[in-house]
N, C-alpha and C. Protein backbone atom coordinates (compact mmCIF):
# COMPACT_ATOMS: atom_id res chain seq x y z
N LYS A 1 -7.40 2.54 15.22
CA LYS A 1 -8.50 1.76 15.72
C LYS A 1 -9.37 1.27 14.57
N ALA A 2 -9.55 2.09 13.56
CA ALA A 2 -10.40 1.70 12.42
C ALA A 2 -9.82 0.48 11.71
N PHE A 3 -8.51 0.46 11.48
CA PHE A 3 -7.89 -0.71 10.86
C PHE A 3 -8.06 -1.95 11.74
N TYR A 4 -7.78 -1.82 13.00
CA TYR A 4 -7.90 -2.96 13.92
C TYR A 4 -9.33 -3.50 13.93
N ASP A 5 -10.29 -2.60 14.03
CA ASP A 5 -11.69 -3.04 14.02
C ASP A 5 -12.03 -3.72 12.69
N GLY A 6 -11.49 -3.23 11.61
CA GLY A 6 -11.75 -3.84 10.30
C GLY A 6 -11.21 -5.25 10.19
N ILE A 7 -9.98 -5.47 10.69
CA ILE A 7 -9.40 -6.81 10.57
C ILE A 7 -9.97 -7.79 11.57
N THR A 8 -10.53 -7.29 12.65
CA THR A 8 -11.08 -8.21 13.66
C THR A 8 -12.59 -8.36 13.58
N LYS A 9 -13.28 -7.31 13.12
CA LYS A 9 -14.75 -7.34 13.13
C LYS A 9 -15.38 -7.24 11.75
N GLY A 10 -14.60 -6.88 10.73
CA GLY A 10 -15.14 -6.71 9.39
C GLY A 10 -15.65 -8.01 8.79
N ARG A 11 -16.54 -7.89 7.83
CA ARG A 11 -17.16 -9.02 7.12
C ARG A 11 -17.73 -10.05 8.08
N GLY A 12 -18.49 -9.58 9.04
CA GLY A 12 -19.14 -10.51 9.99
C GLY A 12 -18.12 -11.22 10.87
N SER A 13 -17.11 -10.51 11.31
CA SER A 13 -16.03 -11.01 12.17
C SER A 13 -15.07 -11.97 11.45
N LEU A 14 -15.14 -12.03 10.11
CA LEU A 14 -14.17 -12.82 9.35
C LEU A 14 -12.88 -12.03 9.12
N GLY A 15 -12.97 -10.72 9.25
CA GLY A 15 -11.82 -9.85 9.04
C GLY A 15 -11.78 -9.31 7.62
N SER A 16 -11.23 -8.13 7.49
CA SER A 16 -11.08 -7.49 6.19
C SER A 16 -9.60 -7.45 5.82
N ILE A 17 -9.32 -7.47 4.54
CA ILE A 17 -7.96 -7.32 4.04
C ILE A 17 -7.87 -5.94 3.40
N PHE A 18 -6.90 -5.15 3.84
CA PHE A 18 -6.71 -3.82 3.31
C PHE A 18 -5.55 -3.84 2.32
N VAL A 19 -5.82 -3.48 1.08
CA VAL A 19 -4.79 -3.38 0.05
C VAL A 19 -4.70 -1.92 -0.34
N TRP A 20 -3.50 -1.37 -0.26
CA TRP A 20 -3.32 0.05 -0.47
C TRP A 20 -2.27 0.29 -1.54
N ALA A 21 -2.54 1.17 -2.48
CA ALA A 21 -1.54 1.52 -3.50
C ALA A 21 -0.33 2.16 -2.83
N SER A 22 0.85 1.82 -3.30
CA SER A 22 2.05 2.30 -2.63
C SER A 22 2.39 3.75 -2.97
N GLY A 23 1.63 4.38 -3.80
CA GLY A 23 1.81 5.80 -4.05
C GLY A 23 2.06 6.14 -5.50
N ASN A 24 1.69 7.35 -5.86
CA ASN A 24 1.84 7.84 -7.23
C ASN A 24 2.67 9.11 -7.28
N GLY A 25 3.45 9.38 -6.25
CA GLY A 25 4.21 10.63 -6.18
C GLY A 25 5.66 10.52 -6.59
N GLY A 26 6.01 9.49 -7.37
CA GLY A 26 7.40 9.28 -7.76
C GLY A 26 8.00 10.44 -8.53
N ARG A 27 7.20 11.11 -9.33
CA ARG A 27 7.70 12.26 -10.10
C ARG A 27 8.24 13.34 -9.17
N ASP A 28 7.63 13.45 -7.98
CA ASP A 28 8.03 14.47 -7.01
C ASP A 28 8.97 13.91 -5.94
N ALA A 29 9.54 12.71 -6.18
CA ALA A 29 10.45 12.05 -5.25
C ALA A 29 9.79 11.78 -3.90
N ASP A 30 8.48 11.58 -3.92
CA ASP A 30 7.74 11.24 -2.70
C ASP A 30 8.13 9.83 -2.27
N ASN A 31 7.96 9.54 -1.00
CA ASN A 31 8.31 8.23 -0.46
C ASN A 31 7.14 7.73 0.37
N CYS A 32 6.57 6.60 0.00
CA CYS A 32 5.36 6.15 0.68
C CYS A 32 5.62 5.59 2.08
N ASN A 33 6.89 5.46 2.49
CA ASN A 33 7.17 5.07 3.87
C ASN A 33 6.64 6.11 4.85
N CYS A 34 6.42 7.31 4.37
CA CYS A 34 5.91 8.38 5.23
C CYS A 34 4.39 8.43 5.26
N ASP A 35 3.73 7.61 4.46
CA ASP A 35 2.27 7.58 4.42
C ASP A 35 1.75 6.66 5.52
N GLY A 36 0.88 7.16 6.34
CA GLY A 36 0.37 6.37 7.46
C GLY A 36 -0.34 5.10 7.07
N TYR A 37 -1.06 5.11 5.95
CA TYR A 37 -1.81 3.91 5.56
C TYR A 37 -0.90 2.82 5.02
N THR A 38 0.04 3.16 4.17
CA THR A 38 0.92 2.13 3.62
C THR A 38 1.89 1.60 4.65
N ASN A 39 2.15 2.36 5.67
CA ASN A 39 3.10 1.97 6.71
C ASN A 39 2.44 1.21 7.85
N SER A 40 1.17 0.98 7.78
CA SER A 40 0.43 0.29 8.84
C SER A 40 0.68 -1.22 8.78
N ILE A 41 0.75 -1.87 9.94
CA ILE A 41 0.91 -3.33 9.97
C ILE A 41 -0.35 -4.03 9.49
N TYR A 42 -1.43 -3.30 9.34
CA TYR A 42 -2.70 -3.88 8.90
C TYR A 42 -2.94 -3.70 7.40
N THR A 43 -1.94 -3.20 6.67
CA THR A 43 -2.12 -2.87 5.26
C THR A 43 -1.10 -3.60 4.39
N LEU A 44 -1.54 -4.10 3.23
CA LEU A 44 -0.65 -4.64 2.22
C LEU A 44 -0.45 -3.57 1.16
N SER A 45 0.76 -3.13 0.97
CA SER A 45 1.05 -2.08 0.01
C SER A 45 1.46 -2.71 -1.32
N ILE A 46 0.79 -2.33 -2.40
CA ILE A 46 1.01 -2.93 -3.71
C ILE A 46 1.47 -1.86 -4.70
N SER A 47 2.47 -2.19 -5.50
CA SER A 47 2.99 -1.28 -6.51
C SER A 47 2.54 -1.74 -7.90
N SER A 48 3.13 -1.18 -8.93
CA SER A 48 2.76 -1.57 -10.29
C SER A 48 4.01 -1.62 -11.17
N ALA A 49 3.84 -2.08 -12.39
CA ALA A 49 4.92 -2.14 -13.37
C ALA A 49 4.37 -1.71 -14.73
N THR A 50 5.26 -1.28 -15.60
CA THR A 50 4.83 -0.93 -16.95
C THR A 50 4.60 -2.21 -17.75
N GLU A 51 4.11 -2.06 -18.98
CA GLU A 51 3.87 -3.23 -19.82
C GLU A 51 5.16 -3.97 -20.16
N ASN A 52 6.31 -3.30 -19.98
CA ASN A 52 7.61 -3.94 -20.23
C ASN A 52 8.25 -4.47 -18.95
N GLY A 53 7.54 -4.37 -17.83
CA GLY A 53 8.06 -4.86 -16.56
C GLY A 53 8.98 -3.89 -15.83
N ASN A 54 9.00 -2.64 -16.27
CA ASN A 54 9.84 -1.63 -15.64
C ASN A 54 9.08 -0.88 -14.54
N ILE A 55 9.83 -0.13 -13.76
CA ILE A 55 9.23 0.71 -12.72
C ILE A 55 8.60 1.93 -13.39
N PRO A 56 7.33 2.22 -13.13
CA PRO A 56 6.69 3.39 -13.74
C PRO A 56 7.27 4.70 -13.21
N TRP A 57 7.16 5.75 -13.98
CA TRP A 57 7.68 7.05 -13.59
C TRP A 57 7.01 7.59 -12.34
N TYR A 58 5.78 7.18 -12.08
CA TYR A 58 5.03 7.70 -10.93
C TYR A 58 5.22 6.88 -9.66
N SER A 59 5.94 5.76 -9.75
CA SER A 59 6.11 4.86 -8.61
C SER A 59 6.96 5.50 -7.52
N GLU A 60 6.55 5.32 -6.28
CA GLU A 60 7.30 5.85 -5.14
C GLU A 60 8.21 4.78 -4.55
N ALA A 61 9.39 5.18 -4.11
CA ALA A 61 10.27 4.28 -3.38
C ALA A 61 9.59 3.95 -2.05
N CYS A 62 9.60 2.66 -1.69
CA CYS A 62 8.85 2.31 -0.49
C CYS A 62 9.23 0.91 0.00
N SER A 63 9.74 0.83 1.22
CA SER A 63 10.08 -0.48 1.78
C SER A 63 8.85 -1.26 2.22
N SER A 64 7.72 -0.60 2.36
CA SER A 64 6.50 -1.31 2.79
C SER A 64 5.80 -2.01 1.63
N THR A 65 6.26 -1.81 0.39
CA THR A 65 5.65 -2.46 -0.76
C THR A 65 5.95 -3.95 -0.74
N LEU A 66 4.91 -4.76 -0.77
CA LEU A 66 5.06 -6.21 -0.67
C LEU A 66 4.94 -6.93 -2.00
N ALA A 67 4.33 -6.30 -3.00
CA ALA A 67 4.13 -6.98 -4.28
C ALA A 67 3.96 -5.95 -5.39
N THR A 68 4.17 -6.41 -6.61
CA THR A 68 3.98 -5.58 -7.80
C THR A 68 3.04 -6.29 -8.73
């Protein structure tokens, strides 16, 4: 309900955009598909890259990640 209220009523009813990090548990083989926030239809999940464009050691595998 909090996400829905945010996207419909946030910023004076203009809606809010939720951007969520896709996770930092890669070292422990964590998977952010199991995280409720990144898996929400109201959330944009964003990952990162190293300075060489590689996947960082802490990055989690995640199908909900939309951008890097």
